[in-house]
Amino acid sequence: MNKIQDLEYEQGSGNVFADLELDDAEELFARSQIGFYLYKILKKRNLQQGEIATILGISQSDVSHLMNGHFSRFTMEKLLDFFKCLNMKVTIEISPHQEGEPFQQVAYLS
């Protein structure tokens, strides 16, 4: 019998933090999305870590954490501030919640 066919799995919700039943799963997910988009912008600009540190006003070790996806080291407010340092606009949209959708959602418009 094929071992792959015998594997049992559970479909994820799209939010790994909720799937792990972590407290504040929605906020953790939103923070990770914001951090990911920040990472993408920084990679696209092809900057060295020292340059990023200067632009964002943080230490080079903090840049390393940021670029390695350790977004929980930064508050949501700090991550949003980084976009301002990069001359990026952040827009927050408030709308009624629909059943089945996340309460917090992040989108990047390039």
C-alpha atoms as a PDB file:
ATOM      1  CA  MET A   1       0.000   0.000   0.000  1.00  0.00           C
ATOM      2  CA  ASN A   2       1.174   3.555  -0.731  1.00  0.00           C
ATOM      3  CA  LYS A   3       2.208   5.353   2.482  1.00  0.00           C
ATOM      4  CA  ILE A   4       1.204   8.732   1.079  1.00  0.00           C
ATOM      5  CA  GLN A   5      -2.349   7.559   0.429  1.00  0.00           C
ATOM      6  CA  ASP A   6      -2.581   6.241   4.003  1.00  0.00           C
ATOM      7  CA  LEU A   7      -1.736   9.584   5.607  1.00  0.00           C
ATOM      8  CA  GLU A   8      -4.507  11.307   7.497  1.00  0.00           C
ATOM      9  CA  TYR A   9      -4.623  15.051   7.460  1.00  0.00           C
ATOM     10  CA  GLU A  10      -6.879  17.890   8.408  1.00  0.00           C
ATOM     11  CA  GLN A  11      -7.609  20.844   6.155  1.00  0.00           C
ATOM     12  CA  GLY A  12      -6.236  24.057   7.657  1.00  0.00           C
ATOM     13  CA  SER A  13      -8.308  27.175   8.150  1.00  0.00           C
ATOM     14  CA  GLY A  14      -5.814  29.445   6.396  1.00  0.00           C
ATOM     15  CA  ASN A  15      -4.655  30.808   9.755  1.00  0.00           C
ATOM     16  CA  VAL A  16      -2.019  28.526  11.243  1.00  0.00           C
ATOM     17  CA  PHE A  17      -2.246  30.395  14.574  1.00  0.00           C
ATOM     18  CA  ALA A  18      -5.972  29.617  14.835  1.00  0.00           C
ATOM     19  CA  ASP A  19      -5.327  26.020  13.818  1.00  0.00           C
ATOM     20  CA  LEU A  20      -2.867  25.797  16.721  1.00  0.00           C
ATOM     21  CA  GLU A  21      -5.540  27.356  18.970  1.00  0.00           C
ATOM     22  CA  LEU A  22      -3.227  30.176  20.058  1.00  0.00           C
ATOM     23  CA  ASP A  23      -4.557  33.170  21.945  1.00  0.00           C
ATOM     24  CA  ASP A  24      -4.858  36.272  19.731  1.00  0.00           C
ATOM     25  CA  ALA A  25      -4.615  34.114  16.595  1.00  0.00           C
ATOM     26  CA  GLU A  26      -6.195  36.814  14.416  1.00  0.00           C
ATOM     27  CA  GLU A  27      -3.701  39.460  15.569  1.00  0.00           C
ATOM     28  CA  LEU A  28      -0.772  37.081  15.159  1.00  0.00           C
ATOM     29  CA  PHE A  29      -1.926  36.252  11.644  1.00  0.00           C
ATOM     30  CA  ALA A  30      -2.376  39.924  10.707  1.00  0.00           C
ATOM     31  CA  ARG A  31       1.058  40.765  12.144  1.00  0.00           C
ATOM     32  CA  SER A  32       2.654  37.962  10.153  1.00  0.00           C
ATOM     33  CA  GLN A  33       0.976  39.184   6.961  1.00  0.00           C
ATOM     34  CA  ILE A  34       2.129  42.765   7.581  1.00  0.00           C
ATOM     35  CA  GLY A  35       5.643  41.517   8.317  1.00  0.00           C
ATOM     36  CA  PHE A  36       5.637  39.417   5.162  1.00  0.00           C
ATOM     37  CA  TYR A  37       4.653  42.371   2.962  1.00  0.00           C
ATOM     38  CA  LEU A  38       7.306  44.506   4.656  1.00  0.00           C
ATOM     39  CA  TYR A  39       9.855  41.772   3.922  1.00  0.00           C
ATOM     40  CA  LYS A  40       8.773  41.640   0.255  1.00  0.00           C
ATOM     41  CA  ILE A  41       9.171  45.406  -0.143  1.00  0.00           C
ATOM     42  CA  LEU A  42      12.610  45.374   1.467  1.00  0.00           C
ATOM     43  CA  LYS A  43      13.777  42.442  -0.695  1.00  0.00           C
ATOM     44  CA  LYS A  44      12.470  44.159  -3.824  1.00  0.00           C
ATOM     45  CA  ARG A  45      14.514  47.263  -2.976  1.00  0.00           C
ATOM     46  CA  ASN A  46      17.626  45.074  -2.780  1.00  0.00           C
ATOM     47  CA  LEU A  47      18.978  46.830   0.320  1.00  0.00           C
ATOM     48  CA  GLN A  48      21.753  45.597   2.592  1.00  0.00           C
ATOM     49  CA  GLN A  49      20.903  45.027   6.271  1.00  0.00           C
ATOM     50  CA  GLY A  50      22.900  48.100   7.319  1.00  0.00           C
ATOM     51  CA  GLU A  51      20.927  50.256   4.891  1.00  0.00           C
ATOM     52  CA  ILE A  52      17.636  48.813   6.145  1.00  0.00           C
ATOM     53  CA  ALA A  53      18.685  49.487   9.749  1.00  0.00           C
ATOM     54  CA  THR A  54      19.398  53.129   8.920  1.00  0.00           C
ATOM     55  CA  ILE A  55      16.131  53.620   7.023  1.00  0.00           C
ATOM     56  CA  LEU A  56      13.959  51.930   9.670  1.00  0.00           C
ATOM     57  CA  GLY A  57      15.888  53.332  12.655  1.00  0.00           C
ATOM     58  CA  ILE A  58      16.562  49.927  14.198  1.00  0.00           C
ATOM     59  CA  SER A  59      19.647  47.842  14.937  1.00  0.00           C
ATOM     60  CA  GLN A  60      21.113  45.505  12.356  1.00  0.00           C
ATOM     61  CA  SER A  61      20.277  42.555  14.617  1.00  0.00           C
ATOM     62  CA  ASP A  62      16.623  43.676  14.598  1.00  0.00           C
ATOM     63  CA  VAL A  63      16.799  43.821  10.794  1.00  0.00           C
ATOM     64  CA  SER A  64      18.064  40.245  10.832  1.00  0.00           C
ATOM     65  CA  HIS A  65      15.086  39.196  12.971  1.00  0.00           C
ATOM     66  CA  LEU A  66      12.729  41.039  10.635  1.00  0.00           C
ATOM     67  CA  MET A  67      14.191  39.500   7.491  1.00  0.00           C
ATOM     68  CA  ASN A  68      14.074  36.030   9.064  1.00  0.00           C
ATOM     69  CA  GLY A  69      10.352  36.301   9.769  1.00  0.00           C
ATOM     70  CA  HIS A  70      10.523  36.887  13.525  1.00  0.00           C
ATOM     71  CA  PHE A  71       7.694  39.403  13.354  1.00  0.00           C
ATOM     72  CA  SER A  72       6.483  38.721  16.899  1.00  0.00           C
ATOM     73  CA  ARG A  73       9.515  40.694  18.102  1.00  0.00           C
ATOM     74  CA  PHE A  74       7.824  43.854  16.808  1.00  0.00           C
ATOM     75  CA  THR A  75       4.508  45.398  17.762  1.00  0.00           C
ATOM     76  CA  MET A  76       1.885  45.901  15.098  1.00  0.00           C
ATOM     77  CA  GLU A  77       2.389  49.656  15.524  1.00  0.00           C
ATOM     78  CA  LYS A  78       6.146  49.348  14.957  1.00  0.00           C
ATOM     79  CA  LEU A  79       5.666  47.250  11.824  1.00  0.00           C
ATOM     80  CA  LEU A  80       3.241  49.843  10.459  1.00  0.00           C
ATOM     81  CA  ASP A  81       5.750  52.606  11.299  1.00  0.00           C
ATOM     82  CA  PHE A  82       8.325  50.845   9.140  1.00  0.00           C
ATOM     83  CA  PHE A  83       6.099  51.390   6.102  1.00  0.00           C
ATOM     84  CA  LYS A  84       6.156  55.134   6.792  1.00  0.00           C
ATOM     85  CA  CYS A  85       9.962  54.999   6.873  1.00  0.00           C
ATOM     86  CA  LEU A  86       9.787  53.363   3.431  1.00  0.00           C
ATOM     87  CA  ASN A  87       7.432  56.076   2.114  1.00  0.00           C
ATOM     88  CA  MET A  88       4.578  53.584   1.825  1.00  0.00           C
ATOM     89  CA  LYS A  89       0.954  54.417   2.575  1.00  0.00           C
ATOM     90  CA  VAL A  90      -1.017  52.144   4.907  1.00  0.00           C
ATOM     91  CA  THR A  91      -4.802  52.191   4.583  1.00  0.00           C
ATOM     92  CA  ILE A  92      -7.071  50.576   7.155  1.00  0.00           C
ATOM     93  CA  GLU A  93     -10.552  49.627   5.987  1.00  0.00           C
ATOM     94  CA  ILE A  94     -13.377  48.902   8.419  1.00  0.00           C
ATOM     95  CA  SER A  95     -16.291  46.808   7.174  1.00  0.00           C
ATOM     96  CA  PRO A  96     -18.933  44.422   8.521  1.00  0.00           C
ATOM     97  CA  HIS A  97     -17.665  40.927   9.251  1.00  0.00           C
ATOM     98  CA  GLN A  98     -19.003  38.135   7.067  1.00  0.00           C
ATOM     99  CA  GLU A  99     -19.273  34.609   8.426  1.00  0.00           C
ATOM    100  CA  GLY A 100     -16.271  32.484   7.518  1.00  0.00           C
ATOM    101  CA  GLU A 101     -13.879  35.339   6.811  1.00  0.00           C
ATOM    102  CA  PRO A 102     -11.041  36.476   9.095  1.00  0.00           C
ATOM    103  CA  PHE A 103     -11.652  39.445  11.375  1.00  0.00           C
ATOM    104  CA  GLN A 104      -8.340  40.990  10.351  1.00  0.00           C
ATOM    105  CA  GLN A 105      -7.114  40.850   6.785  1.00  0.00           C
ATOM    106  CA  VAL A 106      -4.075  42.383   5.095  1.00  0.00           C
ATOM    107  CA  ALA A 107      -3.636  43.032   1.383  1.00  0.00           C
ATOM    108  CA  TYR A 108      -0.688  44.508  -0.503  1.00  0.00           C
ATOM    109  CA  LEU A 109      -1.372  46.609  -3.564  1.00  0.00           C
ATOM    110  CA  SER A 110       1.820  47.081  -5.534  1.00  0.00           C
END
